[in-house]
Amino acid sequence: MPKMIIFISLVIFLLILVGFFVLGNMSKTGMPPGLIAGRLSACSDKPNCVVSEIADDDSHYISPLHYPAAMTEETRDLIKQVIQEVGGEITKEEGTYIAAAFRSTFFGFIDDLECRNNRVNHTIHLRSGARVGHSDFGANRRRVTLISSLFHQRVKKATQETPSAKTRPSSHS
């Protein structure tokens, strides 16, 4: 009897493992939702997504990225560098929109990160969500938090390095 329980447990474990690999493979065929009427898509009711553009969705809301008006032209390259630094692969760039894919190490699940730069308000809206499954155990929220932190560090550094932020040499020599 104990051998049968061990065998059944092993079979169940293997089926679950195979299921995760199948889901990981299925996620490779999806695409990010893209812009809808010029805005990032809302998240579904699943907890595997976060978005900054839908403020009244408490369970999925994250803060957008803000930057100084003087940095409007630099932000595209800056956000792309941060995305790539944390392991993202840029998959689409179109106007003020950037999409990137992140792949999990073991099962190969693909998560999509989307950015929309609102140059008028000096804000980058973000959406990060899993293509398949229900829960991501907070992976997308943690990823966006890391991207936000790195982005704001870079903005702070860049604004401190601008000529207007440096002291000018004295004309008294």
C-alpha atoms as a PDB file:
ATOM      1  CA  MET A   1       0.000   0.000   0.000  1.00  0.00           C
ATOM      2  CA  PRO A   2       2.726   2.606   0.797  1.00  0.00           C
ATOM      3  CA  LYS A   3       4.391   1.893  -2.570  1.00  0.00           C
ATOM      4  CA  MET A   4       1.107   2.611  -4.346  1.00  0.00           C
ATOM      5  CA  ILE A   5       0.739   5.951  -2.512  1.00  0.00           C
ATOM      6  CA  ILE A   6       4.315   6.906  -3.410  1.00  0.00           C
ATOM      7  CA  PHE A   7       3.713   5.906  -7.048  1.00  0.00           C
ATOM      8  CA  ILE A   8       0.455   7.883  -7.281  1.00  0.00           C
ATOM      9  CA  SER A   9       2.093  10.905  -5.624  1.00  0.00           C
ATOM     10  CA  LEU A  10       4.974  10.743  -8.091  1.00  0.00           C
ATOM     11  CA  VAL A  11       2.606  10.517 -11.067  1.00  0.00           C
ATOM     12  CA  ILE A  12       0.599  13.513  -9.800  1.00  0.00           C
ATOM     13  CA  PHE A  13       3.790  15.514  -9.249  1.00  0.00           C
ATOM     14  CA  LEU A  14       5.019  14.699 -12.766  1.00  0.00           C
ATOM     15  CA  LEU A  15       1.669  15.666 -14.304  1.00  0.00           C
ATOM     16  CA  ILE A  16       1.756  19.013 -12.495  1.00  0.00           C
ATOM     17  CA  LEU A  17       5.351  19.569 -13.617  1.00  0.00           C
ATOM     18  CA  VAL A  18       4.465  18.758 -17.234  1.00  0.00           C
ATOM     19  CA  GLY A  19       1.466  21.108 -16.949  1.00  0.00           C
ATOM     20  CA  PHE A  20       3.719  23.991 -15.921  1.00  0.00           C
ATOM     21  CA  PHE A  21       6.060  23.323 -18.851  1.00  0.00           C
ATOM     22  CA  VAL A  22       3.067  23.258 -21.229  1.00  0.00           C
ATOM     23  CA  LEU A  23       1.795  26.579 -19.835  1.00  0.00           C
ATOM     24  CA  GLY A  24       5.290  28.046 -20.161  1.00  0.00           C
ATOM     25  CA  ASN A  25       5.392  26.952 -23.789  1.00  0.00           C
ATOM     26  CA  MET A  26       1.888  28.334 -24.431  1.00  0.00           C
ATOM     27  CA  SER A  27       2.922  31.732 -23.071  1.00  0.00           C
ATOM     28  CA  LYS A  28       5.556  32.046 -25.807  1.00  0.00           C
ATOM     29  CA  THR A  29       2.873  32.431 -28.483  1.00  0.00           C
ATOM     30  CA  GLY A  30       1.025  35.372 -26.906  1.00  0.00           C
ATOM     31  CA  MET A  31       1.458  39.075 -27.441  1.00  0.00           C
ATOM     32  CA  PRO A  32       1.095  42.056 -25.122  1.00  0.00           C
ATOM     33  CA  PRO A  33      -2.369  43.628 -25.241  1.00  0.00           C
ATOM     34  CA  GLY A  34      -1.064  46.919 -26.650  1.00  0.00           C
ATOM     35  CA  LEU A  35      -2.780  50.286 -26.482  1.00  0.00           C
ATOM     36  CA  ILE A  36      -6.546  50.609 -26.505  1.00  0.00           C
ATOM     37  CA  ALA A  37      -7.757  54.092 -27.422  1.00  0.00           C
ATOM     38  CA  GLY A  38      -4.250  55.378 -26.712  1.00  0.00           C
ATOM     39  CA  ARG A  39      -4.045  53.895 -23.190  1.00  0.00           C
ATOM     40  CA  LEU A  40      -2.675  50.731 -21.626  1.00  0.00           C
ATOM     41  CA  SER A  41      -5.166  47.901 -21.149  1.00  0.00           C
ATOM     42  CA  ALA A  42      -6.823  47.200 -17.837  1.00  0.00           C
ATOM     43  CA  CYS A  43      -5.878  43.998 -16.018  1.00  0.00           C
ATOM     44  CA  SER A  44      -8.275  41.076 -15.885  1.00  0.00           C
ATOM     45  CA  ASP A  45      -9.529  39.898 -12.495  1.00  0.00           C
ATOM     46  CA  LYS A  46      -6.463  37.653 -12.083  1.00  0.00           C
ATOM     47  CA  PRO A  47      -3.789  38.753  -9.583  1.00  0.00           C
ATOM     48  CA  ASN A  48      -0.930  38.316 -12.099  1.00  0.00           C
ATOM     49  CA  CYS A  49      -1.029  41.855 -13.494  1.00  0.00           C
ATOM     50  CA  VAL A  50      -0.378  45.452 -12.423  1.00  0.00           C
ATOM     51  CA  VAL A  51      -1.167  48.694 -14.247  1.00  0.00           C
ATOM     52  CA  SER A  52      -0.700  52.392 -13.507  1.00  0.00           C
ATOM     53  CA  GLU A  53      -3.286  53.808 -15.876  1.00  0.00           C
ATOM     54  CA  ILE A  54      -6.370  52.463 -14.097  1.00  0.00           C
ATOM     55  CA  ALA A  55      -6.266  54.251 -10.725  1.00  0.00           C
ATOM     56  CA  ASP A  56      -9.610  52.936  -9.460  1.00  0.00           C
ATOM     57  CA  ASP A  57      -8.458  49.274  -9.649  1.00  0.00           C
ATOM     58  CA  ASP A  58      -6.935  48.977  -6.165  1.00  0.00           C
ATOM     59  CA  SER A  59      -5.807  45.357  -6.459  1.00  0.00           C
ATOM     60  CA  HIS A  60      -3.845  45.990  -9.679  1.00  0.00           C
ATOM     61  CA  TYR A  61      -2.817  49.642  -9.353  1.00  0.00           C
ATOM     62  CA  ILE A  62       0.821  50.717  -9.288  1.00  0.00           C
ATOM     63  CA  SER A  63       2.199  54.244  -9.437  1.00  0.00           C
ATOM     64  CA  PRO A  64       3.383  55.570 -12.797  1.00  0.00           C
ATOM     65  CA  LEU A  65       6.908  56.887 -13.276  1.00  0.00           C
ATOM     66  CA  HIS A  66       7.339  60.660 -13.156  1.00  0.00           C
ATOM     67  CA  TYR A  67      10.228  62.626 -14.617  1.00  0.00           C
ATOM     68  CA  PRO A  68      11.214  66.298 -14.942  1.00  0.00           C
ATOM     69  CA  ALA A  69      10.046  68.163 -18.045  1.00  0.00           C
ATOM     70  CA  ALA A  70      13.665  68.821 -18.991  1.00  0.00           C
ATOM     71  CA  MET A  71      14.192  65.060 -19.456  1.00  0.00           C
ATOM     72  CA  THR A  72      11.318  64.396 -21.863  1.00  0.00           C
ATOM     73  CA  GLU A  73      13.597  63.484 -24.785  1.00  0.00           C
ATOM     74  CA  GLU A  74      15.866  61.225 -22.700  1.00  0.00           C
ATOM     75  CA  THR A  75      13.205  59.091 -21.064  1.00  0.00           C
ATOM     76  CA  ARG A  76      12.745  56.603 -23.925  1.00  0.00           C
ATOM     77  CA  ASP A  77      16.388  55.523 -23.839  1.00  0.00           C
ATOM     78  CA  LEU A  78      16.449  55.597 -20.058  1.00  0.00           C
ATOM     79  CA  ILE A  79      13.423  53.313 -19.591  1.00  0.00           C
ATOM     80  CA  LYS A  80      14.722  50.939 -22.286  1.00  0.00           C
ATOM     81  CA  GLN A  81      18.086  50.676 -20.499  1.00  0.00           C
ATOM     82  CA  VAL A  82      16.396  49.911 -17.184  1.00  0.00           C
ATOM     83  CA  ILE A  83      14.104  47.290 -18.763  1.00  0.00           C
ATOM     84  CA  GLN A  84      17.047  45.535 -20.381  1.00  0.00           C
ATOM     85  CA  GLU A  85      19.095  45.750 -17.193  1.00  0.00           C
ATOM     86  CA  VAL A  86      16.443  43.814 -15.263  1.00  0.00           C
ATOM     87  CA  GLY A  87      16.249  41.117 -17.946  1.00  0.00           C
ATOM     88  CA  GLY A  88      13.622  42.354 -20.382  1.00  0.00           C
ATOM     89  CA  GLU A  89      13.806  42.036 -24.145  1.00  0.00           C
ATOM     90  CA  ILE A  90      12.315  44.976 -26.043  1.00  0.00           C
ATOM     91  CA  THR A  91       9.796  43.507 -28.507  1.00  0.00           C
ATOM     92  CA  LYS A  92       8.091  46.612 -29.872  1.00  0.00           C
ATOM     93  CA  GLU A  93       8.692  50.359 -30.062  1.00  0.00           C
ATOM     94  CA  GLU A  94       6.085  52.565 -31.624  1.00  0.00           C
ATOM     95  CA  GLY A  95       5.792  56.268 -30.904  1.00  0.00           C
ATOM     96  CA  THR A  96       5.477  56.667 -27.148  1.00  0.00           C
ATOM     97  CA  TYR A  97       4.810  52.935 -26.605  1.00  0.00           C
ATOM     98  CA  ILE A  98       7.360  50.271 -25.658  1.00  0.00           C
ATOM     99  CA  ALA A  99       6.686  46.571 -25.083  1.00  0.00           C
ATOM    100  CA  ALA A 100       9.111  44.114 -23.520  1.00  0.00           C
ATOM    101  CA  ALA A 101       9.041  40.426 -22.619  1.00  0.00           C
ATOM    102  CA  PHE A 102      10.444  38.797 -19.494  1.00  0.00           C
ATOM    103  CA  ARG A 103      11.005  35.048 -19.348  1.00  0.00           C
ATOM    104  CA  SER A 104      11.022  33.043 -16.115  1.00  0.00           C
ATOM    105  CA  THR A 105      14.080  30.887 -15.614  1.00  0.00           C
ATOM    106  CA  PHE A 106      12.709  27.420 -14.959  1.00  0.00           C
ATOM    107  CA  PHE A 107       9.385  27.006 -16.764  1.00  0.00           C
ATOM    108  CA  GLY A 108       9.916  29.742 -19.375  1.00  0.00           C
ATOM    109  CA  PHE A 109       6.741  31.700 -18.579  1.00  0.00           C
ATOM    110  CA  ILE A 110       6.555  34.987 -20.490  1.00  0.00           C
ATOM    111  CA  ASP A 111       5.390  38.175 -18.784  1.00  0.00           C
ATOM    112  CA  ASP A 112       4.748  41.332 -20.787  1.00  0.00           C
ATOM    113  CA  LEU A 113       5.772  44.807 -19.680  1.00  0.00           C
ATOM    114  CA  GLU A 114       4.270  47.757 -21.527  1.00  0.00           C
ATOM    115  CA  CYS A 115       5.165  51.428 -21.164  1.00  0.00           C
ATOM    116  CA  ARG A 116       3.327  54.484 -22.471  1.00  0.00           C
ATOM    117  CA  ASN A 117       5.075  57.809 -22.187  1.00  0.00           C
ATOM    118  CA  ASN A 118       2.720  60.727 -21.573  1.00  0.00           C
ATOM    119  CA  ARG A 119       5.015  63.587 -22.563  1.00  0.00           C
ATOM    120  CA  VAL A 120       2.483  66.250 -21.623  1.00  0.00           C
ATOM    121  CA  ASN A 121       2.304  65.100 -17.986  1.00  0.00           C
ATOM    122  CA  HIS A 122       5.930  63.840 -17.883  1.00  0.00           C
ATOM    123  CA  THR A 123       4.705  60.419 -16.829  1.00  0.00           C
ATOM    124  CA  ILE A 124       5.427  56.880 -17.975  1.00  0.00           C
ATOM    125  CA  HIS A 125       2.508  54.529 -17.421  1.00  0.00           C
ATOM    126  CA  LEU A 126       3.310  50.857 -16.928  1.00  0.00           C
ATOM    127  CA  ARG A 127       1.459  47.583 -17.311  1.00  0.00           C
ATOM    128  CA  SER A 128       3.066  44.260 -16.432  1.00  0.00           C
ATOM    129  CA  GLY A 129       1.191  40.981 -16.644  1.00  0.00           C
ATOM    130  CA  ALA A 130       1.580  37.258 -17.098  1.00  0.00           C
ATOM    131  CA  ARG A 131       0.384  35.853 -20.417  1.00  0.00           C
ATOM    132  CA  VAL A 132      -0.941  32.624 -18.887  1.00  0.00           C
ATOM    133  CA  GLY A 133      -1.942  31.287 -15.509  1.00  0.00           C
ATOM    134  CA  HIS A 134      -3.664  32.832 -12.552  1.00  0.00           C
ATOM    135  CA  SER A 135      -1.130  33.909  -9.954  1.00  0.00           C
ATOM    136  CA  ASP A 136       2.425  35.104 -10.452  1.00  0.00           C
ATOM    137  CA  PHE A 137       3.176  35.222  -6.706  1.00  0.00           C
ATOM    138  CA  GLY A 138       3.743  38.986  -7.009  1.00  0.00           C
ATOM    139  CA  ALA A 139       6.475  38.755  -9.678  1.00  0.00           C
ATOM    140  CA  ASN A 140       5.069  41.528 -11.887  1.00  0.00           C
ATOM    141  CA  ARG A 141       4.548  43.926  -8.972  1.00  0.00           C
ATOM    142  CA  ARG A 142       8.122  43.284  -7.765  1.00  0.00           C
ATOM    143  CA  ARG A 143       9.482  43.773 -11.291  1.00  0.00           C
ATOM    144  CA  VAL A 144       7.706  47.107 -11.730  1.00  0.00           C
ATOM    145  CA  THR A 145       8.843  48.225  -8.266  1.00  0.00           C
ATOM    146  CA  LEU A 146      12.449  47.435  -9.229  1.00  0.00           C
ATOM    147  CA  ILE A 147      12.106  49.194 -12.600  1.00  0.00           C
ATOM    148  CA  SER A 148      10.583  52.225 -10.872  1.00  0.00           C
ATOM    149  CA  SER A 149      13.385  52.371  -8.326  1.00  0.00           C
ATOM    150  CA  LEU A 150      16.129  52.081 -10.956  1.00  0.00           C
ATOM    151  CA  PHE A 151      14.428  54.601 -13.246  1.00  0.00           C
ATOM    152  CA  HIS A 152      14.116  57.183 -10.476  1.00  0.00           C
ATOM    153  CA  GLN A 153      17.750  56.639  -9.467  1.00  0.00           C
ATOM    154  CA  ARG A 154      18.818  57.290 -13.068  1.00  0.00           C
ATOM    155  CA  VAL A 155      16.610  60.371 -13.349  1.00  0.00           C
ATOM    156  CA  LYS A 156      18.057  61.749 -10.118  1.00  0.00           C
ATOM    157  CA  LYS A 157      21.599  61.078 -11.319  1.00  0.00           C
ATOM    158  CA  ALA A 158      20.930  62.620 -14.741  1.00  0.00           C
ATOM    159  CA  THR A 159      19.406  65.760 -13.268  1.00  0.00           C
ATOM    160  CA  GLN A 160      22.370  66.167 -10.932  1.00  0.00           C
ATOM    161  CA  GLU A 161      24.757  65.876 -13.895  1.00  0.00           C
ATOM    162  CA  THR A 162      23.085  68.505 -16.072  1.00  0.00           C
ATOM    163  CA  PRO A 163      25.048  71.724 -16.599  1.00  0.00           C
ATOM    164  CA  SER A 164      22.432  73.772 -14.758  1.00  0.00           C
ATOM    165  CA  ALA A 165      22.845  71.568 -11.679  1.00  0.00           C
ATOM    166  CA  LYS A 166      26.640  71.943 -11.601  1.00  0.00           C
ATOM    167  CA  THR A 167      28.276  74.940 -10.114  1.00  0.00           C
ATOM    168  CA  ARG A 168      29.807  77.200 -12.652  1.00  0.00           C
ATOM    169  CA  PRO A 169      33.481  78.029 -12.395  1.00  0.00           C
ATOM    170  CA  SER A 170      34.240  81.383 -10.926  1.00  0.00           C
ATOM    171  CA  SER A 171      35.376  84.131 -13.279  1.00  0.00           C
ATOM    172  CA  HIS A 172      37.884  85.255 -10.652  1.00  0.00           C
ATOM    173  CA  SER A 173      41.187  83.662 -11.555  1.00  0.00           C
END
